[in-house]
Protein backbone atom coordinates (compact mmCIF):
# COMPACT_ATOMS: atom_id res chain seq x y z
CA MET A 1 -17.16 63.41 -132.69
CA THR A 2 -17.76 59.91 -134.13
CA LEU A 3 -16.29 57.15 -131.99
CA MET A 4 -13.73 54.97 -133.75
CA PRO A 5 -14.35 51.25 -134.15
CA PRO A 6 -12.17 48.71 -132.35
CA THR A 7 -8.60 49.00 -133.45
CA GLY A 8 -8.52 45.43 -134.69
CA ALA A 9 -11.21 46.25 -137.25
CA LEU A 10 -8.96 48.89 -138.82
CA ILE A 11 -6.05 46.51 -139.57
CA PRO A 12 -7.02 43.84 -142.14
CA ALA A 13 -5.89 40.32 -141.35
CA ASP A 14 -3.88 40.15 -144.58
CA ALA A 15 -2.19 43.54 -144.10
CA PRO A 16 1.57 43.35 -144.88
CA PHE A 17 2.69 44.21 -141.32
CA SER A 18 4.80 42.27 -138.93
CA ALA A 19 3.36 41.40 -135.52
CA GLN A 20 5.51 44.15 -133.97
CA GLN A 21 4.24 46.72 -136.50
CA GLU A 22 0.63 45.67 -135.95
CA SER A 23 1.11 46.08 -132.20
CA TRP A 24 2.55 49.58 -132.64
CA LEU A 25 -0.26 50.61 -135.03
CA ALA A 26 -2.90 49.28 -132.67
CA GLY A 27 -1.47 51.39 -129.84
CA PHE A 28 -1.26 54.45 -132.08
CA ILE A 29 -4.88 54.11 -133.20
CA ALA A 30 -6.01 53.49 -129.61
CA GLY A 31 -4.26 56.71 -128.60
CA ILE A 32 -6.14 58.67 -131.27
CA ALA A 33 -9.42 57.18 -130.06
CA ALA A 34 -8.63 58.08 -126.45
CA ALA A 35 -7.79 61.64 -127.46
CA GLY A 36 -11.13 61.84 -129.24
CA ARG A 37 -12.93 60.67 -126.13
CA ARG A 38 -11.06 63.24 -124.03
CA ALA A 39 -11.97 66.01 -126.47
CA SER A 40 -15.60 64.93 -126.37
CA THR A 41 -15.58 64.88 -122.60
CA SER A 42 -13.80 68.25 -122.32
CA ALA A 43 -16.65 69.92 -124.15
CA ASP A 44 -18.79 69.01 -121.16
CA ALA A 45 -16.17 69.83 -118.51
CA PRO A 46 -15.93 73.18 -116.78
CA THR A 47 -13.10 75.29 -118.13
CA ALA A 48 -12.21 76.90 -114.80
CA THR A 49 -13.12 76.65 -111.16
CA VAL A 50 -14.39 79.74 -109.37
CA ASP A 51 -14.09 79.80 -105.57
CA VAL A 52 -16.58 82.23 -104.06
CA LEU A 53 -15.67 83.10 -100.47
CA PHE A 54 -18.09 85.02 -98.26
CA GLY A 55 -18.03 86.78 -94.92
CA THR A 56 -21.47 87.49 -93.55
CA GLN A 57 -23.18 88.62 -90.36
CA THR A 58 -26.82 88.72 -91.49
CA GLY A 59 -26.86 86.47 -94.56
CA ASN A 60 -26.73 88.96 -97.45
CA ALA A 61 -23.17 88.11 -98.50
CA GLU A 62 -23.92 84.39 -98.38
CA PHE A 63 -27.00 84.82 -100.56
CA LEU A 64 -25.01 86.83 -103.11
CA ALA A 65 -22.29 84.15 -103.04
CA ASP A 66 -24.84 81.45 -103.88
CA GLU A 67 -26.19 83.59 -106.71
CA LEU A 68 -22.66 84.10 -108.01
CA VAL A 69 -21.97 80.35 -108.02
CA ALA A 70 -25.18 79.72 -109.94
CA GLY A 71 -24.21 82.40 -112.44
CA ALA A 72 -20.74 80.92 -112.88
CA ARG A 73 -22.14 77.47 -113.58
CA ALA A 74 -24.60 78.89 -116.07
CA ARG A 75 -21.60 80.24 -117.99
CA GLY A 76 -19.87 76.86 -118.03
CA LEU A 77 -17.60 77.51 -115.05
CA ALA A 78 -17.27 75.23 -112.07
CA GLY A 79 -18.08 77.10 -108.88
CA LYS A 80 -18.50 76.60 -105.16
CA ALA A 81 -19.21 78.89 -102.22
CA SER A 82 -17.45 78.70 -98.85
CA ALA A 83 -17.32 80.82 -95.73
CA LEU A 84 -14.01 82.67 -95.46
CA ASP A 85 -13.18 80.91 -92.19
CA ALA A 86 -13.52 77.55 -93.93
CA VAL A 87 -10.47 78.36 -96.08
CA THR A 88 -6.84 78.46 -94.95
CA PRO A 89 -4.22 80.61 -96.70
CA ASP A 90 -2.52 77.43 -97.97
CA GLN A 91 -5.79 76.32 -99.55
CA LEU A 92 -6.24 79.80 -100.98
CA ALA A 93 -2.84 79.52 -102.64
CA THR A 94 -4.02 76.48 -104.64
CA MET A 95 -7.01 78.34 -106.10
CA THR A 96 -6.95 80.09 -109.44
CA HIS A 97 -10.04 82.33 -109.49
CA VAL A 98 -11.25 83.71 -106.16
CA LEU A 99 -14.24 86.00 -105.71
CA VAL A 100 -14.73 87.46 -102.23
CA ILE A 101 -17.99 88.94 -100.96
CA THR A 102 -17.91 90.33 -97.45
CA SER A 103 -19.84 92.67 -95.23
CA THR A 104 -18.26 94.82 -92.53
CA TYR A 105 -19.28 94.38 -88.92
CA GLY A 106 -18.96 96.68 -85.91
CA GLU A 107 -16.15 99.22 -86.09
CA GLY A 108 -14.66 98.10 -89.38
CA GLU A 109 -14.28 94.47 -88.30
CA LEU A 110 -14.54 91.25 -90.27
CA PRO A 111 -17.79 89.31 -89.82
CA ASP A 112 -17.79 86.46 -87.32
CA ASN A 113 -17.26 83.82 -90.02
CA ALA A 114 -14.29 85.66 -91.51
CA GLY A 115 -12.16 86.68 -88.52
CA LEU A 116 -10.00 83.56 -88.45
CA PHE A 117 -9.35 83.84 -92.19
CA TRP A 118 -8.22 87.45 -91.83
CA GLU A 119 -6.02 86.66 -88.86
CA ALA A 120 -4.20 83.98 -90.85
CA LEU A 121 -4.05 86.02 -94.05
CA GLN A 122 -2.30 88.98 -92.43
CA SER A 123 0.27 86.84 -90.62
CA ASP A 124 3.92 86.81 -91.68
CA THR A 125 3.61 83.13 -92.63
CA ALA A 126 0.84 83.66 -95.21
CA PRO A 127 1.90 82.16 -98.57
CA ARG A 128 2.44 84.06 -101.79
CA LEU A 129 -0.58 84.09 -104.12
CA GLU A 130 0.88 84.81 -107.57
CA SER A 131 -1.30 82.13 -109.18
CA VAL A 132 -4.53 83.65 -107.86
CA ARG A 133 -6.82 85.95 -109.84
CA TYR A 134 -9.36 87.67 -107.60
CA ALA A 135 -12.09 90.27 -107.20
CA VAL A 136 -13.78 91.66 -104.08
CA LEU A 137 -17.29 92.93 -103.42
CA GLY A 138 -17.98 94.83 -100.19
CA LEU A 139 -21.31 95.32 -98.42
CA GLY A 140 -21.61 98.17 -95.95
CA ASP A 141 -23.26 101.39 -94.83
CA ARG A 142 -21.84 104.78 -95.78
CA GLY A 143 -23.23 106.14 -92.54
CA TYR A 144 -20.24 104.54 -90.77
CA ASP A 145 -16.68 105.86 -90.95
CA ASP A 146 -15.30 102.37 -91.65
CA PHE A 147 -17.51 101.84 -94.69
CA CYS A 148 -16.74 98.44 -96.28
CA GLN A 149 -13.50 98.28 -94.32
CA ALA A 150 -13.44 94.47 -94.30
CA ALA A 151 -13.58 94.34 -98.09
CA LYS A 152 -10.89 97.00 -98.38
CA LEU A 153 -8.57 95.12 -96.03
CA ILE A 154 -8.93 91.80 -97.88
CA ASP A 155 -8.58 93.45 -101.28
CA THR A 156 -5.34 95.17 -100.24
CA ARG A 157 -3.87 92.11 -98.53
CA LEU A 158 -4.52 89.81 -101.51
CA GLU A 159 -2.69 92.28 -103.73
CA GLN A 160 0.21 92.48 -101.24
CA LEU A 161 0.55 88.70 -101.38
CA GLY A 162 0.92 88.79 -105.16
CA ALA A 163 -2.61 87.94 -106.33
CA ALA A 164 -3.72 89.64 -109.54
CA ARG A 165 -6.89 91.71 -109.45
CA LEU A 166 -9.43 90.37 -111.93
CA HIS A 167 -11.81 93.31 -111.46
CA GLU A 168 -11.83 96.45 -109.37
CA ARG A 169 -13.44 96.22 -105.93
CA VAL A 170 -16.97 97.57 -105.63
CA ASP A 171 -18.20 98.88 -102.27
CA CYS A 172 -21.99 98.72 -101.89
CA ASP A 173 -24.10 100.89 -99.63
CA VAL A 174 -27.20 99.58 -97.86
CA ASP A 175 -29.07 99.44 -101.17
CA PHE A 176 -26.64 96.88 -102.51
CA GLU A 177 -28.72 94.89 -104.99
CA ASP A 178 -28.09 96.85 -108.21
CA PRO A 179 -24.33 97.51 -107.81
CA ALA A 180 -23.83 93.91 -106.64
CA ALA A 181 -25.63 92.60 -109.71
CA GLU A 182 -23.53 94.83 -111.99
CA TRP A 183 -20.30 93.63 -110.34
CA THR A 184 -21.39 89.99 -110.61
CA THR A 185 -22.19 90.31 -114.31
CA ALA A 186 -18.95 92.12 -115.09
CA VAL A 187 -16.80 89.61 -113.20
CA LEU A 188 -18.45 86.54 -114.69
CA ASP A 189 -18.36 87.95 -118.20
CA ARG A 190 -14.64 88.60 -117.86
CA LEU A 191 -14.02 85.12 -116.44
CA ALA A 192 -15.99 83.50 -119.23
CA ALA A 193 -14.10 85.48 -121.86
CA GLU A 194 -10.69 84.69 -120.38
CA THR A 195 -11.34 80.97 -119.93
CA GLY A 196 -13.37 80.39 -123.08
CA ALA A 197 -16.32 79.05 -121.11
CA THR A 198 -19.36 78.49 -123.29
CA GLY A 199 -22.12 77.78 -120.82
CA THR A 200 -22.91 74.43 -122.49
CA ASN A 201 -21.09 71.95 -120.27
CA ALA A 202 -22.79 69.18 -118.36
CA GLU A 203 -22.11 70.69 -114.96
CA ALA A 204 -24.04 73.83 -115.93
CA ASN A 205 -26.95 71.70 -117.09
CA LYS A 206 -27.20 69.86 -113.79
CA ALA A 207 -26.22 72.78 -111.54
CA PRO A 208 -28.80 73.89 -109.01
CA ALA A 209 -30.79 76.95 -109.90
CA ALA A 210 -29.86 80.28 -108.39
CA PRO A 211 -31.39 80.86 -104.96
CA THR A 212 -34.67 82.72 -104.98
CA ARG A 213 -35.65 85.42 -102.58
CA SER A 214 -39.11 85.91 -101.24
CA PRO A 215 -41.17 88.36 -103.31
CA TRP A 216 -41.29 90.42 -100.12
CA ASN A 217 -38.17 92.56 -99.67
CA LYS A 218 -37.06 96.11 -98.93
CA ARG A 219 -38.52 97.33 -102.21
CA THR A 220 -41.76 95.40 -101.89
CA PRO A 221 -42.36 94.71 -98.19
CA TYR A 222 -45.38 92.72 -97.09
CA ARG A 223 -48.04 94.86 -95.45
CA SER A 224 -48.63 92.91 -92.27
CA ARG A 225 -51.27 93.44 -89.60
CA LEU A 226 -49.73 93.90 -86.17
CA ALA A 227 -51.87 91.45 -84.22
CA VAL A 228 -50.26 91.80 -80.77
CA ASN A 229 -48.49 94.71 -79.07
CA ARG A 230 -47.93 93.75 -75.43
CA LEU A 231 -45.78 95.33 -72.75
CA LEU A 232 -43.40 92.74 -71.27
CA SER A 233 -41.47 94.80 -68.74
CA ALA A 234 -43.24 96.13 -65.66
CA PRO A 235 -44.81 99.62 -65.99
CA HIS A 236 -42.36 101.05 -63.46
CA SER A 237 -39.29 99.55 -65.16
CA ALA A 238 -36.60 101.87 -66.50
CA LYS A 239 -36.99 100.00 -69.77
CA GLU A 240 -39.93 99.50 -72.09
CA ILE A 241 -39.74 96.06 -73.67
CA ARG A 242 -42.62 94.93 -75.86
CA HIS A 243 -43.77 91.70 -77.48
CA TYR A 244 -45.11 92.01 -81.04
CA GLU A 245 -46.83 89.48 -83.28
CA PHE A 246 -47.15 90.05 -87.02
CA ASP A 247 -49.89 88.25 -88.93
CA LEU A 248 -48.48 86.60 -92.07
CA GLY A 249 -51.93 86.20 -93.64
CA ASP A 250 -51.74 84.85 -97.19
CA SER A 251 -48.24 86.22 -97.80
CA GLY A 252 -46.61 82.82 -98.18
CA ILE A 253 -43.77 84.07 -95.96
CA THR A 254 -41.73 81.31 -94.36
CA TYR A 255 -38.98 81.71 -91.79
CA GLU A 256 -36.60 79.79 -89.56
CA ALA A 257 -35.83 80.21 -85.88
CA GLY A 258 -32.80 82.51 -85.84
CA ASP A 259 -33.83 84.64 -88.82
CA ALA A 260 -34.48 88.37 -88.53
CA LEU A 261 -37.53 90.40 -89.47
CA ALA A 262 -36.94 93.74 -91.16
CA VAL A 263 -39.46 96.41 -90.23
CA VAL A 264 -39.97 99.34 -92.60
CA PRO A 265 -40.70 102.28 -90.28
CA LEU A 266 -42.29 105.66 -90.80
CA ASN A 267 -40.98 108.80 -89.14
CA ASP A 268 -43.04 110.51 -86.48
CA ALA A 269 -45.33 113.04 -88.19
CA ALA A 270 -44.87 115.41 -85.25
CA LEU A 271 -41.09 115.46 -85.74
CA VAL A 272 -41.57 116.01 -89.48
CA GLY A 273 -43.82 118.97 -88.68
CA GLU A 274 -41.24 120.48 -86.32
CA LEU A 275 -38.52 120.12 -88.95
CA LEU A 276 -40.62 121.75 -91.67
CA ALA A 277 -41.69 124.55 -89.35
CA HIS A 278 -38.06 125.29 -88.54
CA LEU A 279 -37.33 125.45 -92.27
CA GLY A 280 -40.36 127.64 -92.90
CA ALA A 281 -42.00 125.03 -95.13
CA SER A 282 -44.73 123.65 -92.88
CA GLY A 283 -47.45 123.79 -95.54
CA ASP A 284 -45.68 121.54 -98.05
CA GLU A 285 -47.74 118.31 -97.83
CA GLU A 286 -45.80 116.48 -100.54
CA THR A 287 -42.49 117.17 -98.85
CA ALA A 288 -43.95 116.24 -95.47
CA GLU A 289 -44.90 112.83 -96.84
CA LEU A 290 -41.44 112.42 -98.37
CA LEU A 291 -39.81 113.15 -95.01
CA ARG A 292 -42.19 110.84 -93.16
CA THR A 293 -41.72 107.84 -95.44
CA GLU A 294 -38.38 108.11 -97.26
CA ARG A 295 -35.74 110.16 -95.43
CA GLU A 296 -33.69 109.54 -92.29
CA ILE A 297 -34.30 112.55 -90.05
CA ARG A 298 -33.32 111.03 -86.71
CA THR A 299 -29.61 110.35 -87.30
CA PRO A 300 -27.64 113.10 -89.11
CA SER A 301 -25.73 111.87 -92.14
CA LYS A 302 -22.03 112.43 -92.71
CA GLU A 303 -22.97 114.51 -95.74
CA LEU A 304 -25.13 116.82 -93.63
CA ILE A 305 -22.39 117.21 -91.02
CA ALA A 306 -19.82 118.08 -93.68
CA ASP A 307 -22.20 120.58 -95.28
CA LEU A 308 -22.94 122.34 -91.98
CA VAL A 309 -19.23 122.53 -91.14
CA GLU A 310 -18.56 124.13 -94.52
CA ARG A 311 -21.38 126.64 -93.98
CA ALA A 312 -20.29 127.54 -90.45
CA PRO A 313 -16.54 126.90 -90.11
CA SER A 314 -16.39 128.76 -86.81
CA GLY A 315 -19.40 127.01 -85.27
CA GLU A 316 -19.49 124.50 -82.42
CA LEU A 317 -19.86 121.48 -84.71
CA ALA A 318 -16.94 122.62 -86.88
CA ALA A 319 -14.77 122.98 -83.78
CA VAL A 320 -15.49 119.39 -82.73
CA VAL A 321 -14.86 118.04 -86.22
CA ALA A 322 -11.60 119.99 -86.46
CA GLN A 323 -10.20 118.12 -83.46
CA GLY A 324 -10.14 114.96 -85.59
CA ASP A 325 -11.21 112.71 -82.71
CA ARG A 326 -14.04 110.44 -83.77
CA SER A 327 -15.00 109.56 -80.20
CA ASP A 328 -15.39 113.26 -79.37
CA LEU A 329 -17.60 113.77 -82.41
CA ASP A 330 -19.69 110.71 -81.52
CA SER A 331 -20.12 112.05 -77.99
CA TRP A 332 -21.17 115.46 -79.27
CA LEU A 333 -23.65 113.93 -81.72
CA TRP A 334 -25.09 111.42 -79.24
CA GLY A 335 -28.82 111.97 -78.88
CA ARG A 336 -28.93 114.83 -81.40
CA ASP A 337 -31.08 114.58 -84.51
CA VAL A 338 -31.25 116.57 -87.75
CA LEU A 339 -33.45 119.25 -86.18
CA ASP A 340 -30.95 119.72 -83.34
CA LEU A 341 -28.12 120.32 -85.80
CA LEU A 342 -30.17 122.79 -87.81
CA ARG A 343 -31.09 124.67 -84.64
CA THR A 344 -27.41 125.13 -83.81
CA THR A 345 -26.79 126.63 -87.25
CA ASP A 346 -27.14 130.33 -88.00
CA PRO A 347 -30.35 130.72 -90.07
CA ALA A 348 -28.48 133.01 -92.41
CA THR A 349 -26.17 130.18 -93.46
CA ALA A 350 -28.37 127.13 -92.80
CA PRO A 351 -29.47 124.99 -95.77
CA THR A 352 -32.89 125.55 -97.26
CA LEU A 353 -35.31 122.65 -97.62
CA PRO A 354 -34.30 121.93 -101.25
CA GLU A 355 -30.65 122.00 -100.18
CA LEU A 356 -31.31 119.78 -97.17
CA LEU A 357 -33.17 116.94 -98.87
CA PRO A 358 -30.18 115.56 -100.85
CA LEU A 359 -28.15 115.52 -97.61
CA LEU A 360 -30.58 113.14 -95.86
CA ARG A 361 -30.00 109.42 -96.21
CA PRO A 362 -32.80 107.09 -97.32
CA LEU A 363 -34.91 105.78 -94.45
CA GLN A 364 -33.82 102.19 -93.88
CA ALA A 365 -35.61 99.15 -92.51
CA ARG A 366 -34.62 98.06 -89.01
CA GLN A 367 -33.85 94.37 -88.41
CA TYR A 368 -34.90 92.50 -85.28
CA SER A 369 -34.16 88.93 -84.25
CA ILE A 370 -37.29 86.80 -84.58
CA SER A 371 -38.42 85.44 -81.21
CA SER A 372 -40.69 82.66 -82.45
CA SER A 373 -40.45 79.27 -84.16
CA PRO A 374 -42.31 78.46 -87.38
CA LEU A 375 -43.13 75.04 -85.96
CA ALA A 376 -44.93 76.62 -83.03
CA HIS A 377 -46.22 79.76 -84.80
CA PRO A 378 -46.34 79.17 -88.59
CA ASP A 379 -48.82 82.00 -89.23
CA ARG A 380 -47.13 84.70 -87.19
CA ILE A 381 -43.72 86.18 -86.52
CA HIS A 382 -42.91 87.40 -83.01
CA LEU A 383 -40.48 90.16 -82.07
CA THR A 384 -39.11 91.30 -78.70
CA VAL A 385 -38.19 94.98 -78.94
CA ALA A 386 -37.02 97.63 -76.47
CA SER A 387 -38.59 101.02 -77.15
CA VAL A 388 -35.93 103.72 -77.33
CA ARG A 389 -37.03 106.89 -75.53
CA TYR A 390 -34.93 109.67 -74.01
CA GLY A 391 -34.68 113.42 -73.58
CA SER A 392 -36.17 116.07 -71.35
CA GLY A 393 -37.45 119.60 -71.48
CA ASP A 394 -38.77 120.70 -74.86
CA ARG A 395 -37.31 117.75 -76.76
CA ARG A 396 -38.37 114.15 -76.34
CA TYR A 397 -36.73 111.61 -78.64
CA GLY A 398 -37.71 108.13 -79.74
CA GLY A 399 -36.17 105.35 -81.78
CA VAL A 400 -37.46 105.47 -85.34
CA ALA A 401 -38.76 101.91 -85.58
CA SER A 402 -39.22 101.03 -81.91
CA THR A 403 -41.59 103.92 -81.18
CA TYR A 404 -43.26 103.50 -84.56
CA LEU A 405 -44.21 99.98 -83.51
CA ALA A 406 -45.09 100.94 -79.95
CA ASP A 407 -47.12 104.08 -80.64
CA ARG A 408 -48.22 104.40 -84.26
CA THR A 409 -49.28 100.94 -85.49
CA GLY A 410 -51.96 98.40 -84.76
CA GLY A 411 -55.05 100.30 -85.83
CA ALA A 412 -57.63 98.66 -88.06
CA ASP A 413 -56.54 100.74 -91.06
CA THR A 414 -52.79 100.45 -90.55
CA ALA A 415 -50.29 97.83 -91.67
CA VAL A 416 -46.55 97.48 -91.17
CA GLY A 417 -44.15 96.80 -94.02
CA VAL A 418 -42.01 93.76 -93.19
CA TYR A 419 -39.81 91.15 -94.84
CA VAL A 420 -37.70 88.26 -93.56
CA GLN A 421 -33.92 88.47 -93.51
CA PRO A 422 -32.63 84.86 -93.44
CA ASN A 423 -29.65 84.05 -91.23
CA ALA A 424 -28.41 80.62 -92.26
CA SER A 425 -25.48 80.71 -89.82
CA PHE A 426 -27.59 81.30 -86.71
CA GLY A 427 -30.04 78.50 -86.03
CA VAL A 428 -30.90 75.51 -83.89
CA PRO A 429 -28.44 72.58 -84.33
CA ALA A 430 -29.50 70.10 -86.99
CA ASP A 431 -28.68 67.35 -84.48
CA ASP A 432 -31.58 67.21 -82.01
CA ASP A 433 -29.31 65.46 -79.51
CA ALA A 434 -26.70 68.24 -79.44
CA PRO A 435 -26.60 70.44 -76.31
CA MET A 436 -27.24 74.18 -76.68
CA VAL A 437 -25.84 77.03 -74.57
CA MET A 438 -27.62 80.36 -75.16
CA ILE A 439 -26.35 83.68 -73.79
CA GLY A 440 -28.78 86.55 -74.29
CA PRO A 441 -29.33 89.31 -71.73
CA GLY A 442 -32.10 91.87 -72.25
CA THR A 443 -33.75 91.66 -75.66
CA GLY A 444 -30.92 89.28 -76.62
CA ILE A 445 -33.28 86.59 -75.35
CA ALA A 446 -35.37 87.00 -78.52
CA PRO A 447 -33.93 84.29 -80.78
CA PHE A 448 -33.50 81.89 -77.86
CA ARG A 449 -37.19 82.01 -77.06
CA GLY A 450 -37.65 80.89 -80.67
CA PHE A 451 -34.94 78.23 -80.29
CA LEU A 452 -36.62 76.76 -77.21
CA HIS A 453 -40.04 76.66 -78.87
CA GLU A 454 -38.42 75.05 -81.92
CA ARG A 455 -36.76 72.31 -79.86
CA ALA A 456 -39.96 71.68 -77.92
CA ALA A 457 -41.94 71.32 -81.17
CA ARG A 458 -39.30 68.98 -82.61
CA GLY A 459 -39.19 66.88 -79.49
CA ALA A 460 -35.43 67.35 -79.43
CA SER A 461 -33.61 65.47 -76.67
CA GLY A 462 -30.59 67.79 -76.51
CA ARG A 463 -30.03 69.72 -73.30
CA ASN A 464 -30.64 73.49 -73.35
CA TRP A 465 -28.95 76.05 -71.08
CA LEU A 466 -29.92 79.74 -71.04
CA PHE A 467 -28.00 82.60 -69.45
CA PHE A 468 -30.31 85.60 -69.16
CA GLY A 469 -30.22 88.83 -67.24
CA ASP A 470 -31.19 92.49 -67.06
CA ARG A 471 -31.33 95.18 -64.38
CA HIS A 472 -34.02 94.06 -61.94
CA ARG A 473 -35.80 90.74 -61.62
CA GLU A 474 -39.04 92.35 -60.43
CA THR A 475 -39.42 94.60 -63.48
CA ASP A 476 -37.24 93.16 -66.26
CA PHE A 477 -37.62 89.39 -66.18
CA VAL A 478 -39.37 89.14 -69.57
CA TYR A 479 -41.06 85.85 -70.51
CA GLU A 480 -40.65 84.62 -66.92
CA ASP A 481 -43.80 82.50 -67.03
CA GLU A 482 -42.81 80.91 -70.34
CA LEU A 483 -39.30 80.09 -69.19
CA THR A 484 -40.59 78.63 -65.95
CA GLU A 485 -43.00 76.42 -67.89
CA LEU A 486 -40.25 75.32 -70.29
CA GLN A 487 -38.15 74.37 -67.27
CA ARG A 488 -41.02 72.39 -65.78
CA ARG A 489 -41.45 70.50 -69.05
CA GLY A 490 -37.75 69.69 -69.21
CA VAL A 491 -37.13 71.68 -72.40
CA LEU A 492 -34.99 74.24 -70.58
CA THR A 493 -32.44 72.18 -68.69
CA GLU A 494 -30.50 74.99 -67.02
CA LEU A 495 -31.44 78.65 -66.43
CA ASP A 496 -28.87 81.04 -64.96
CA LEU A 497 -30.10 84.54 -64.15
CA ALA A 498 -28.09 87.73 -63.65
CA PHE A 499 -29.96 90.85 -62.55
CA SER A 500 -27.22 93.43 -62.27
CA ARG A 501 -28.88 96.03 -60.01
CA ASP A 502 -30.54 93.73 -57.46
CA GLN A 503 -27.45 93.75 -55.20
CA ALA A 504 -24.59 96.05 -54.34
CA GLU A 505 -22.14 94.24 -56.60
CA LYS A 506 -23.22 94.16 -60.23
CA ILE A 507 -23.76 90.67 -61.63
CA TYR A 508 -23.85 89.97 -65.35
CA VAL A 509 -24.29 86.88 -67.50
CA GLN A 510 -20.52 86.55 -67.81
CA THR A 511 -20.36 86.44 -63.99
CA ARG A 512 -22.67 83.43 -64.00
CA MET A 513 -20.61 81.78 -66.74
CA ARG A 514 -17.47 82.01 -64.63
CA GLU A 515 -19.30 80.72 -61.56
CA ARG A 516 -20.27 77.59 -63.48
CA SER A 517 -17.00 77.19 -65.28
CA ARG A 518 -16.62 73.44 -64.76
CA GLU A 519 -20.16 72.58 -65.90
CA LEU A 520 -19.97 74.94 -68.88
CA TYR A 521 -16.72 73.41 -70.10
CA GLY A 522 -18.26 69.97 -69.66
CA TRP A 523 -21.08 70.95 -71.99
CA LEU A 524 -18.54 72.17 -74.55
CA GLU A 525 -16.70 68.86 -74.35
CA ASP A 526 -20.04 67.11 -74.87
CA GLY A 527 -20.47 68.91 -78.19
CA ALA A 528 -22.57 71.91 -77.13
CA HIS A 529 -23.32 74.70 -79.59
CA VAL A 530 -22.82 78.17 -78.06
CA TYR A 531 -24.95 81.13 -79.15
CA VAL A 532 -24.64 84.79 -78.16
CA CYS A 533 -27.18 87.51 -78.93
CA GLY A 534 -27.28 91.16 -77.94
CA ASP A 535 -25.07 94.23 -77.65
CA ALA A 536 -21.88 93.99 -79.69
CA SER A 537 -19.98 96.91 -78.20
CA ARG A 538 -19.61 95.54 -74.66
CA MET A 539 -21.67 92.46 -73.79
CA ALA A 540 -20.50 90.24 -76.64
CA LYS A 541 -16.85 91.09 -75.97
CA ASP A 542 -17.23 90.49 -72.23
CA VAL A 543 -18.97 87.17 -72.87
CA GLU A 544 -16.19 86.04 -75.21
CA ALA A 545 -13.58 87.00 -72.64
CA ALA A 546 -15.47 84.98 -70.03
CA LEU A 547 -15.71 82.01 -72.39
CA LEU A 548 -11.98 82.13 -73.06
CA GLY A 549 -11.38 82.32 -69.31
CA VAL A 550 -13.56 79.28 -68.70
CA VAL A 551 -11.69 77.23 -71.30
CA ALA A 552 -8.27 78.37 -70.08
CA GLU A 553 -9.11 77.58 -66.46
CA GLN A 554 -10.56 74.16 -67.15
CA ARG A 555 -7.93 73.01 -69.65
CA GLY A 556 -4.98 74.55 -67.81
CA ARG A 557 -2.97 75.03 -71.00
CA GLY A 558 -2.79 78.82 -71.25
CA ASP A 559 -4.48 81.59 -73.18
CA ASP A 560 -3.20 80.58 -76.62
CA ASP A 561 -4.67 77.11 -76.24
CA ALA A 562 -8.00 78.60 -75.11
CA ALA A 563 -8.04 80.92 -78.14
CA GLU A 564 -7.40 77.99 -80.49
CA TYR A 565 -10.12 75.96 -78.74
CA LEU A 566 -12.59 78.76 -79.37
CA ALA A 567 -11.37 79.11 -82.95
CA ASP A 568 -12.11 75.41 -83.49
CA LEU A 569 -15.64 76.00 -82.18
CA ARG A 570 -16.05 78.82 -84.71
CA ARG A 571 -14.80 76.65 -87.57
CA ALA A 572 -17.25 73.92 -86.59
CA LYS A 573 -20.03 76.55 -86.41
CA ARG A 574 -20.51 75.68 -82.75
CA TYR A 575 -19.83 79.22 -81.56
CA VAL A 576 -21.96 81.78 -83.40
CA ARG A 577 -23.23 85.23 -82.57
CA ASP A 578 -26.09 87.51 -83.55
CA VAL A 579 -24.88 90.83 -82.18
CA TYR A 580 -25.64 94.43 -83.03
């Protein structure tokens, strides 16, 4: 649009208008000019704002949220990404277009950075959301009964509060990339069509590019040489904990302390042979390779269980399933693999090999917390892994990835497929002066070894406190020499140890936390960041209960106050967990 000249230039000096008329005309013409400027500006302004809210435990949902924001801006829409816990229901009520991407954690729970949001959203005081248009994308694993439960809960609750569904929810399995991309395209296309966005506004032109992933991922893992495979626990320990170092070579892989490394395992060839022999197909080399490299044969799938129940409705497995108690089924299945289930099935009704293959889930990468710092070890990634071994008699079992690393890698002609899984929410504080409290028994120490090396390399002045424990000090005190040296150098300010079986009364890390209640609360008041890593089913819950107890005791204001105090730490990202 052509800008209009000054209004005075449009009214000749000898025009037959009174002063009052000239004043009115000048204002009228100025109004037209202003409207023109607004129209010109609006062509460059976003036509709608898209709020992308994510709940993530390992970083996948956050990455997809960033991609979604970039895609929205490319279509001429304003967009921003926020963690679910960063948004209150009242703020949600002021939004117009809300896209939620969330994973599901544990037994159908919301991820750590979404729990507070869900708690507020399901309360009786949550506001109505009639002005909100929304869509939900779920990330999960169909191997679990509560597949994408977090996404389902949020989707249903938003509808209950009056929000209008922009697009149907999509629930993604572990191979989420393609369905997530299809959902993203469909949602953004609909938004662009409804709002008239053209993709030509100024914000799109200056918007940051979509995040880029490493070329190394689950489809194209980097073939890394396993440079170190060292036993950490004592030979006579009840556990087998190993230290691994992966050579990054010329891969260009970068990582941060707190990230995870995904290991692409191969099944044990001996187990594959036993399975094929049972099925009477031991000479099929092509199928043997398929089972070794692409199918999950350790953990039975839900599809296999359902198929076997249908084939043998009067069998032992069918009887357990018929009870409808998930805990009973889990107990019955514990330790059993695919071969075990087939052996309990009458050969006359058991599936043949062609019938079995579609019932086996794809073999998935296993993720482990990285136990090194790129500042200290830029050319290698370290892992701290417990080898899973159990069984007796004619069956000995091993964890798919842990025994693959321990027993079947490291030769001159072998390489391990790996890729980095970033975890932006779990890392060393940006403020080098901030105190850190790290709680990681057993292999939960892994990321904190990396944190300590990171802080040492940065010359950070912040105090560092580690709570570590296991069964026996003599056999299970992994990295003892390193931790002692870090203490001597002043990097590790406090080290509290809890070896549960070294005395009659069992002592755990949460015991030590309670014993040092006053000092621990003092660190929190000084701005400490608290990190927890390890077992989610018991340890993480016990540690949180201990932390709440410490706060309640020291503040003296009751349990509700302690819960809100911890919630504030979560919101400030000063209480984060990497649990599994």
